[in-house]
Amino acid sequence: MTQKGSERIAKRLARAGLCSRREGERWIYEGRVTVDGTVLTSPAMTVSIHSSIKVDGKLIPTPTEPRLWLYHKPCGLLTTHRDPQGRPTVFNSLPAELPRMISVGRLDINSEGLLLLTNNGDLARRLELPGTGLLRRYRARVRGNLDGSELETLKKGIIVNGVHYGPIFATLDRQLRRNAWLSLTLREGKNREVRRALNHLGLDVSRLIRIGYGPFQLGKLAPRGLAEIPPQRIQRYTSSP
């Protein structure tokens, strides 16, 4: 049992808004984290409010109250802080006065719609965990003609290239001459899950929009628009596990 005010080092790094817990553990194994002048080699350490913690030689920020924003990501932006190829990212497109933020999950460069951003890695982790039970909702435009029966197999979950994807509930909304619009709901949100599942059915996705993440909705938020969620709406996700 930890003393009051004490916590695992990876959790402290996440609460400081620097990274997720998993990323913090990786930084420790890479020798980038020191506590009271000692380089850590394992994340199995508890720190206190008095510990001097540095990453790459710089003191970490004091944890602040968790905050959460809705962001309407357009196509063409990467959900990463740095890109070796110099392509534009979500984070270098945000207003400079905002705190350092991380994303709750990701949207690939060709996907658009709702992306949740937070200043707190621990909150991001809570919102991402399948056990939290938050549904992800998408609309997809696919090329081709279909009658909707092709989508039934997704409800049972599928395996694509050795990766298991949980149930995806998909419905045909509208069939156009050469394209169709689908609505999809899922819980896990693995990397490129919707695209890979639909490609598995022989459907080529030409547009993918996330419109909802749990109780949070894209609504009429304009592309590149940003809206902060009131603290009371995220309180249930910020209490310590």
C-alpha atoms as a PDB file:
ATOM      1  CA  MET A   1       0.000   0.000   0.000  1.00  0.00           C
ATOM      2  CA  THR A   2       1.439   3.391  -1.000  1.00  0.00           C
ATOM      3  CA  GLN A   3       1.556   6.367   1.348  1.00  0.00           C
ATOM      4  CA  LYS A   4      -0.718   9.326   0.785  1.00  0.00           C
ATOM      5  CA  GLY A   5       0.667  11.488  -2.011  1.00  0.00           C
ATOM      6  CA  SER A   6       2.783   8.637  -3.395  1.00  0.00           C
ATOM      7  CA  GLU A   7       2.296   6.898  -6.731  1.00  0.00           C
ATOM      8  CA  ARG A   8       4.074   4.836  -9.346  1.00  0.00           C
ATOM      9  CA  ILE A   9       6.533   6.800 -11.459  1.00  0.00           C
ATOM     10  CA  ALA A  10       4.795   6.034 -14.777  1.00  0.00           C
ATOM     11  CA  LYS A  11       1.507   7.351 -13.383  1.00  0.00           C
ATOM     12  CA  ARG A  12       3.226  10.562 -12.225  1.00  0.00           C
ATOM     13  CA  LEU A  13       4.654  11.118 -15.718  1.00  0.00           C
ATOM     14  CA  ALA A  14       1.202  10.567 -17.210  1.00  0.00           C
ATOM     15  CA  ARG A  15      -0.482  12.950 -14.779  1.00  0.00           C
ATOM     16  CA  ALA A  16       2.087  15.583 -15.675  1.00  0.00           C
ATOM     17  CA  GLY A  17       0.737  15.430 -19.227  1.00  0.00           C
ATOM     18  CA  LEU A  18       3.970  14.193 -20.769  1.00  0.00           C
ATOM     19  CA  CYS A  19       2.898  10.790 -22.027  1.00  0.00           C
ATOM     20  CA  SER A  20       0.762   7.744 -21.397  1.00  0.00           C
ATOM     21  CA  ARG A  21       1.747   5.303 -18.652  1.00  0.00           C
ATOM     22  CA  ARG A  22       3.023   2.857 -21.273  1.00  0.00           C
ATOM     23  CA  GLU A  23       5.137   5.547 -22.929  1.00  0.00           C
ATOM     24  CA  GLY A  24       6.480   6.551 -19.525  1.00  0.00           C
ATOM     25  CA  GLU A  25       7.577   2.981 -18.867  1.00  0.00           C
ATOM     26  CA  ARG A  26       9.352   2.924 -22.235  1.00  0.00           C
ATOM     27  CA  TRP A  27      11.156   6.169 -21.401  1.00  0.00           C
ATOM     28  CA  ILE A  28      12.352   4.586 -18.151  1.00  0.00           C
ATOM     29  CA  TYR A  29      13.753   1.531 -19.926  1.00  0.00           C
ATOM     30  CA  GLU A  30      15.515   3.913 -22.330  1.00  0.00           C
ATOM     31  CA  GLY A  31      17.259   5.599 -19.394  1.00  0.00           C
ATOM     32  CA  ARG A  32      15.602   8.984 -19.931  1.00  0.00           C
ATOM     33  CA  VAL A  33      14.074   9.342 -16.444  1.00  0.00           C
ATOM     34  CA  THR A  34      15.841  10.236 -13.202  1.00  0.00           C
ATOM     35  CA  VAL A  35      14.458  10.448  -9.670  1.00  0.00           C
ATOM     36  CA  ASP A  36      16.485  12.446  -7.146  1.00  0.00           C
ATOM     37  CA  GLY A  37      19.496  12.218  -9.440  1.00  0.00           C
ATOM     38  CA  THR A  38      19.353   8.450 -10.027  1.00  0.00           C
ATOM     39  CA  VAL A  39      18.682   7.075 -13.498  1.00  0.00           C
ATOM     40  CA  LEU A  40      15.811   4.622 -13.357  1.00  0.00           C
ATOM     41  CA  THR A  41      16.061   1.209 -14.996  1.00  0.00           C
ATOM     42  CA  SER A  42      12.641  -0.106 -13.949  1.00  0.00           C
ATOM     43  CA  PRO A  43       9.163   1.445 -13.646  1.00  0.00           C
ATOM     44  CA  ALA A  44       8.616  -0.483 -10.387  1.00  0.00           C
ATOM     45  CA  MET A  45       9.229   2.585  -8.266  1.00  0.00           C
ATOM     46  CA  THR A  46       6.984   4.746  -6.122  1.00  0.00           C
ATOM     47  CA  VAL A  47       7.626   8.471  -5.918  1.00  0.00           C
ATOM     48  CA  SER A  48       6.334  11.090  -3.505  1.00  0.00           C
ATOM     49  CA  ILE A  49       5.289  14.700  -3.890  1.00  0.00           C
ATOM     50  CA  HIS A  50       8.805  15.652  -2.788  1.00  0.00           C
ATOM     51  CA  SER A  51      10.645  13.580  -5.439  1.00  0.00           C
ATOM     52  CA  SER A  52      12.727  15.473  -8.013  1.00  0.00           C
ATOM     53  CA  ILE A  53      11.808  13.864 -11.334  1.00  0.00           C
ATOM     54  CA  LYS A  54      13.474  14.702 -14.628  1.00  0.00           C
ATOM     55  CA  VAL A  55      13.007  13.520 -18.205  1.00  0.00           C
ATOM     56  CA  ASP A  56      15.951  14.116 -20.524  1.00  0.00           C
ATOM     57  CA  GLY A  57      17.486  16.311 -17.831  1.00  0.00           C
ATOM     58  CA  LYS A  58      14.447  18.578 -17.444  1.00  0.00           C
ATOM     59  CA  LEU A  59      12.172  18.729 -14.417  1.00  0.00           C
ATOM     60  CA  ILE A  60       8.689  17.488 -15.204  1.00  0.00           C
ATOM     61  CA  PRO A  61       5.763  19.893 -14.766  1.00  0.00           C
ATOM     62  CA  THR A  62       3.642  19.818 -11.644  1.00  0.00           C
ATOM     63  CA  PRO A  63       0.480  17.796 -12.360  1.00  0.00           C
ATOM     64  CA  THR A  64      -2.565  19.984 -12.929  1.00  0.00           C
ATOM     65  CA  GLU A  65      -6.263  19.241 -12.960  1.00  0.00           C
ATOM     66  CA  PRO A  66      -7.231  16.926 -15.869  1.00  0.00           C
ATOM     67  CA  ARG A  67      -8.815  18.688 -18.817  1.00  0.00           C
ATOM     68  CA  LEU A  68     -10.393  17.297 -21.972  1.00  0.00           C
ATOM     69  CA  TRP A  69     -11.097  18.844 -25.373  1.00  0.00           C
ATOM     70  CA  LEU A  70     -13.051  17.852 -28.472  1.00  0.00           C
ATOM     71  CA  TYR A  71     -11.082  18.453 -31.658  1.00  0.00           C
ATOM     72  CA  HIS A  72     -12.347  18.095 -35.223  1.00  0.00           C
ATOM     73  CA  LYS A  73      -9.395  16.549 -37.005  1.00  0.00           C
ATOM     74  CA  PRO A  74      -9.306  17.119 -40.771  1.00  0.00           C
ATOM     75  CA  CYS A  75      -7.670  14.759 -43.244  1.00  0.00           C
ATOM     76  CA  GLY A  76      -3.971  15.331 -43.799  1.00  0.00           C
ATOM     77  CA  LEU A  77      -2.847  15.726 -40.182  1.00  0.00           C
ATOM     78  CA  LEU A  78      -0.894  13.080 -38.281  1.00  0.00           C
ATOM     79  CA  THR A  79      -1.871  12.267 -34.702  1.00  0.00           C
ATOM     80  CA  THR A  80       1.684  12.515 -33.373  1.00  0.00           C
ATOM     81  CA  HIS A  81       3.922  15.120 -31.781  1.00  0.00           C
ATOM     82  CA  ARG A  82       6.818  14.675 -34.202  1.00  0.00           C
ATOM     83  CA  ASP A  83       7.084  13.343 -37.729  1.00  0.00           C
ATOM     84  CA  PRO A  84      10.510  12.501 -39.206  1.00  0.00           C
ATOM     85  CA  GLN A  85       9.189  13.459 -42.647  1.00  0.00           C
ATOM     86  CA  GLY A  86       8.078  16.884 -41.470  1.00  0.00           C
ATOM     87  CA  ARG A  87       4.409  16.365 -42.286  1.00  0.00           C
ATOM     88  CA  PRO A  88       1.819  18.508 -40.445  1.00  0.00           C
ATOM     89  CA  THR A  89       0.507  17.125 -37.169  1.00  0.00           C
ATOM     90  CA  VAL A  90      -2.530  17.700 -34.984  1.00  0.00           C
ATOM     91  CA  PHE A  91      -0.396  19.119 -32.196  1.00  0.00           C
ATOM     92  CA  ASN A  92       1.537  21.700 -34.193  1.00  0.00           C
ATOM     93  CA  SER A  93      -1.791  22.983 -35.543  1.00  0.00           C
ATOM     94  CA  LEU A  94      -3.168  23.822 -32.080  1.00  0.00           C
ATOM     95  CA  PRO A  95      -3.143  27.298 -30.503  1.00  0.00           C
ATOM     96  CA  ALA A  96       0.184  28.019 -28.777  1.00  0.00           C
ATOM     97  CA  GLU A  97      -1.451  29.072 -25.493  1.00  0.00           C
ATOM     98  CA  LEU A  98      -2.815  25.574 -24.814  1.00  0.00           C
ATOM     99  CA  PRO A  99      -0.991  23.209 -22.428  1.00  0.00           C
ATOM    100  CA  ARG A 100       0.923  20.245 -23.802  1.00  0.00           C
ATOM    101  CA  MET A 101      -1.657  17.705 -24.872  1.00  0.00           C
ATOM    102  CA  ILE A 102      -1.863  14.076 -25.885  1.00  0.00           C
ATOM    103  CA  SER A 103      -4.590  12.307 -27.792  1.00  0.00           C
ATOM    104  CA  VAL A 104      -7.044   9.697 -26.604  1.00  0.00           C
ATOM    105  CA  GLY A 105      -6.311   7.023 -29.194  1.00  0.00           C
ATOM    106  CA  ARG A 106      -5.575   8.149 -32.732  1.00  0.00           C
ATOM    107  CA  LEU A 107      -7.023   8.836 -36.132  1.00  0.00           C
ATOM    108  CA  ASP A 108      -4.848   7.985 -39.123  1.00  0.00           C
ATOM    109  CA  ILE A 109      -3.745  10.674 -41.554  1.00  0.00           C
ATOM    110  CA  ASN A 110      -6.606   9.975 -43.993  1.00  0.00           C
ATOM    111  CA  SER A 111      -9.338   9.823 -41.339  1.00  0.00           C
ATOM    112  CA  GLU A 112     -11.239  12.783 -39.922  1.00  0.00           C
ATOM    113  CA  GLY A 113     -13.687  13.719 -37.228  1.00  0.00           C
ATOM    114  CA  LEU A 114     -13.709  13.583 -33.442  1.00  0.00           C
ATOM    115  CA  LEU A 115     -10.384  13.336 -31.635  1.00  0.00           C
ATOM    116  CA  LEU A 116     -10.258  13.734 -27.864  1.00  0.00           C
ATOM    117  CA  LEU A 117      -7.270  15.670 -26.511  1.00  0.00           C
ATOM    118  CA  THR A 118      -6.186  15.915 -22.882  1.00  0.00           C
ATOM    119  CA  ASN A 119      -3.427  17.374 -20.722  1.00  0.00           C
ATOM    120  CA  ASN A 120      -3.400  14.195 -18.609  1.00  0.00           C
ATOM    121  CA  GLY A 121      -2.010  10.838 -19.739  1.00  0.00           C
ATOM    122  CA  ASP A 122      -3.804   8.965 -16.988  1.00  0.00           C
ATOM    123  CA  LEU A 123      -7.160  10.308 -18.187  1.00  0.00           C
ATOM    124  CA  ALA A 124      -6.255   9.288 -21.748  1.00  0.00           C
ATOM    125  CA  ARG A 125      -5.534   5.763 -20.549  1.00  0.00           C
ATOM    126  CA  ARG A 126      -8.852   5.506 -18.698  1.00  0.00           C
ATOM    127  CA  LEU A 127     -10.801   6.636 -21.757  1.00  0.00           C
ATOM    128  CA  GLU A 128      -8.933   4.238 -24.068  1.00  0.00           C
ATOM    129  CA  LEU A 129      -9.295   1.064 -21.997  1.00  0.00           C
ATOM    130  CA  PRO A 130     -11.861  -1.398 -23.425  1.00  0.00           C
ATOM    131  CA  GLY A 131     -12.963  -2.041 -19.852  1.00  0.00           C
ATOM    132  CA  THR A 132     -14.242   1.529 -19.599  1.00  0.00           C
ATOM    133  CA  GLY A 133     -16.790   0.491 -22.222  1.00  0.00           C
ATOM    134  CA  LEU A 134     -16.873   3.622 -24.365  1.00  0.00           C
ATOM    135  CA  LEU A 135     -18.383   3.127 -27.816  1.00  0.00           C
ATOM    136  CA  ARG A 136     -16.667   4.599 -30.876  1.00  0.00           C
ATOM    137  CA  ARG A 137     -19.034   5.680 -33.644  1.00  0.00           C
ATOM    138  CA  TYR A 138     -18.049   6.225 -37.275  1.00  0.00           C
ATOM    139  CA  ARG A 139     -19.490   6.994 -40.680  1.00  0.00           C
ATOM    140  CA  ALA A 140     -17.714   5.489 -43.671  1.00  0.00           C
ATOM    141  CA  ARG A 141     -18.049   5.970 -47.397  1.00  0.00           C
ATOM    142  CA  VAL A 142     -17.098   2.875 -49.363  1.00  0.00           C
ATOM    143  CA  ARG A 143     -16.798   2.226 -53.080  1.00  0.00           C
ATOM    144  CA  GLY A 144     -19.141  -0.287 -54.651  1.00  0.00           C
ATOM    145  CA  ASN A 145     -22.668  -1.605 -54.382  1.00  0.00           C
ATOM    146  CA  LEU A 146     -23.899  -3.639 -51.428  1.00  0.00           C
ATOM    147  CA  ASP A 147     -27.171  -4.652 -49.839  1.00  0.00           C
ATOM    148  CA  GLY A 148     -26.034  -4.675 -46.209  1.00  0.00           C
ATOM    149  CA  SER A 149     -25.887  -8.449 -45.728  1.00  0.00           C
ATOM    150  CA  GLU A 150     -22.108  -8.353 -46.180  1.00  0.00           C
ATOM    151  CA  LEU A 151     -21.841  -6.461 -42.897  1.00  0.00           C
ATOM    152  CA  GLU A 152     -23.441  -9.175 -40.763  1.00  0.00           C
ATOM    153  CA  THR A 153     -20.172 -11.098 -40.351  1.00  0.00           C
ATOM    154  CA  LEU A 154     -18.632  -8.141 -38.496  1.00  0.00           C
ATOM    155  CA  LYS A 155     -21.038  -8.556 -35.566  1.00  0.00           C
ATOM    156  CA  LYS A 156     -19.300 -11.744 -34.452  1.00  0.00           C
ATOM    157  CA  GLY A 157     -15.796 -10.328 -34.650  1.00  0.00           C
ATOM    158  CA  ILE A 158     -13.228 -11.234 -37.285  1.00  0.00           C
ATOM    159  CA  ILE A 159      -9.562 -12.161 -37.596  1.00  0.00           C
ATOM    160  CA  VAL A 160      -7.476 -10.267 -40.154  1.00  0.00           C
ATOM    161  CA  ASN A 161      -3.827 -11.243 -40.673  1.00  0.00           C
ATOM    162  CA  GLY A 162      -3.749 -12.915 -37.275  1.00  0.00           C
ATOM    163  CA  VAL A 163      -5.265  -9.930 -35.423  1.00  0.00           C
ATOM    164  CA  HIS A 164      -8.621 -10.439 -33.716  1.00  0.00           C
ATOM    165  CA  TYR A 165     -11.115  -7.595 -33.946  1.00  0.00           C
ATOM    166  CA  GLY A 166     -14.125  -7.562 -31.657  1.00  0.00           C
ATOM    167  CA  PRO A 167     -17.733  -7.092 -32.752  1.00  0.00           C
ATOM    168  CA  ILE A 168     -18.431  -4.197 -35.088  1.00  0.00           C
ATOM    169  CA  PHE A 169     -22.053  -3.235 -35.636  1.00  0.00           C
ATOM    170  CA  ALA A 170     -22.419  -1.799 -39.128  1.00  0.00           C
ATOM    171  CA  THR A 171     -25.496  -0.711 -41.071  1.00  0.00           C
ATOM    172  CA  LEU A 172     -26.024   0.481 -44.622  1.00  0.00           C
ATOM    173  CA  ASP A 173     -27.352   4.048 -44.499  1.00  0.00           C
ATOM    174  CA  ARG A 174     -27.472   4.980 -48.143  1.00  0.00           C
ATOM    175  CA  GLN A 175     -26.517   3.487 -51.500  1.00  0.00           C
ATOM    176  CA  LEU A 176     -25.457   5.930 -54.183  1.00  0.00           C
ATOM    177  CA  ARG A 177     -24.513   5.150 -57.780  1.00  0.00           C
ATOM    178  CA  ARG A 178     -20.926   4.178 -57.082  1.00  0.00           C
ATOM    179  CA  ASN A 179     -20.611   4.585 -53.322  1.00  0.00           C
ATOM    180  CA  ALA A 180     -22.385   3.641 -50.124  1.00  0.00           C
ATOM    181  CA  TRP A 181     -22.490   5.273 -46.697  1.00  0.00           C
ATOM    182  CA  LEU A 182     -22.247   3.086 -43.589  1.00  0.00           C
ATOM    183  CA  SER A 183     -22.637   3.692 -39.863  1.00  0.00           C
ATOM    184  CA  LEU A 184     -20.382   1.669 -37.546  1.00  0.00           C
ATOM    185  CA  THR A 185     -20.132   1.213 -33.788  1.00  0.00           C
ATOM    186  CA  LEU A 186     -17.337  -0.602 -31.923  1.00  0.00           C
ATOM    187  CA  ARG A 187     -15.641  -0.664 -28.524  1.00  0.00           C
ATOM    188  CA  GLU A 188     -11.968  -1.550 -28.949  1.00  0.00           C
ATOM    189  CA  GLY A 189     -10.635   0.924 -31.487  1.00  0.00           C
ATOM    190  CA  LYS A 190      -7.475  -0.937 -32.487  1.00  0.00           C
ATOM    191  CA  ASN A 191      -5.111   0.620 -35.004  1.00  0.00           C
ATOM    192  CA  ARG A 192      -6.926   1.176 -38.328  1.00  0.00           C
ATOM    193  CA  GLU A 193      -9.614  -1.278 -37.183  1.00  0.00           C
ATOM    194  CA  VAL A 194     -12.508   0.047 -39.273  1.00  0.00           C
ATOM    195  CA  ARG A 195     -10.488   0.241 -42.482  1.00  0.00           C
ATOM    196  CA  ARG A 196      -9.030  -3.223 -42.033  1.00  0.00           C
ATOM    197  CA  ALA A 197     -12.380  -4.783 -41.196  1.00  0.00           C
ATOM    198  CA  LEU A 198     -14.075  -3.260 -44.244  1.00  0.00           C
ATOM    199  CA  ASN A 199     -11.138  -4.102 -46.510  1.00  0.00           C
ATOM    200  CA  HIS A 200     -11.482  -7.672 -45.272  1.00  0.00           C
ATOM    201  CA  LEU A 201     -14.989  -7.624 -46.767  1.00  0.00           C
ATOM    202  CA  GLY A 202     -13.606  -6.303 -50.057  1.00  0.00           C
ATOM    203  CA  LEU A 203     -14.798  -2.755 -49.429  1.00  0.00           C
ATOM    204  CA  ASP A 204     -12.505   0.176 -50.230  1.00  0.00           C
ATOM    205  CA  VAL A 205     -12.954   3.044 -47.755  1.00  0.00           C
ATOM    206  CA  SER A 206     -12.817   6.443 -49.462  1.00  0.00           C
ATOM    207  CA  ARG A 207     -13.812   8.495 -46.409  1.00  0.00           C
ATOM    208  CA  LEU A 208     -13.885   7.740 -42.684  1.00  0.00           C
ATOM    209  CA  ILE A 209     -15.316  10.105 -40.067  1.00  0.00           C
ATOM    210  CA  ARG A 210     -15.439   9.485 -36.316  1.00  0.00           C
ATOM    211  CA  ILE A 211     -18.587  11.130 -35.008  1.00  0.00           C
ATOM    212  CA  GLY A 212     -18.695   9.920 -31.401  1.00  0.00           C
ATOM    213  CA  TYR A 213     -16.499   8.612 -28.586  1.00  0.00           C
ATOM    214  CA  GLY A 214     -18.498   7.475 -25.583  1.00  0.00           C
ATOM    215  CA  PRO A 215     -20.713  10.366 -24.438  1.00  0.00           C
ATOM    216  CA  PHE A 216     -18.727  12.886 -26.489  1.00  0.00           C
ATOM    217  CA  GLN A 217     -20.025  13.850 -29.926  1.00  0.00           C
ATOM    218  CA  LEU A 218     -18.549  15.684 -32.915  1.00  0.00           C
ATOM    219  CA  GLY A 219     -21.804  17.517 -33.522  1.00  0.00           C
ATOM    220  CA  LYS A 220     -21.398  20.713 -35.538  1.00  0.00           C
ATOM    221  CA  LEU A 221     -17.801  21.381 -34.506  1.00  0.00           C
ATOM    222  CA  ALA A 222     -16.030  22.809 -37.569  1.00  0.00           C
ATOM    223  CA  PRO A 223     -12.838  21.241 -38.980  1.00  0.00           C
ATOM    224  CA  ARG A 224      -9.875  22.213 -36.766  1.00  0.00           C
ATOM    225  CA  GLY A 225     -12.415  23.407 -34.209  1.00  0.00           C
ATOM    226  CA  LEU A 226     -11.624  22.880 -30.524  1.00  0.00           C
ATOM    227  CA  ALA A 227     -14.069  22.812 -27.597  1.00  0.00           C
ATOM    228  CA  GLU A 228     -13.249  22.085 -23.959  1.00  0.00           C
ATOM    229  CA  ILE A 229     -15.456  19.662 -22.032  1.00  0.00           C
ATOM    230  CA  PRO A 230     -16.735  21.006 -18.674  1.00  0.00           C
ATOM    231  CA  PRO A 231     -14.884  19.391 -15.715  1.00  0.00           C
ATOM    232  CA  GLN A 232     -18.058  17.871 -14.291  1.00  0.00           C
ATOM    233  CA  ARG A 233     -18.549  15.809 -17.456  1.00  0.00           C
ATOM    234  CA  ILE A 234     -15.200  14.048 -17.061  1.00  0.00           C
ATOM    235  CA  GLN A 235     -15.206  13.611 -13.284  1.00  0.00           C
ATOM    236  CA  ARG A 236     -16.288   9.964 -13.475  1.00  0.00           C
ATOM    237  CA  TYR A 237     -13.168   9.184 -15.547  1.00  0.00           C
ATOM    238  CA  THR A 238     -10.669  11.059 -13.368  1.00  0.00           C
ATOM    239  CA  SER A 239     -11.162   9.306 -10.025  1.00  0.00           C
ATOM    240  CA  SER A 240      -8.250   7.029  -9.125  1.00  0.00           C
ATOM    241  CA  PRO A 241      -8.734   3.363 -10.063  1.00  0.00           C
END
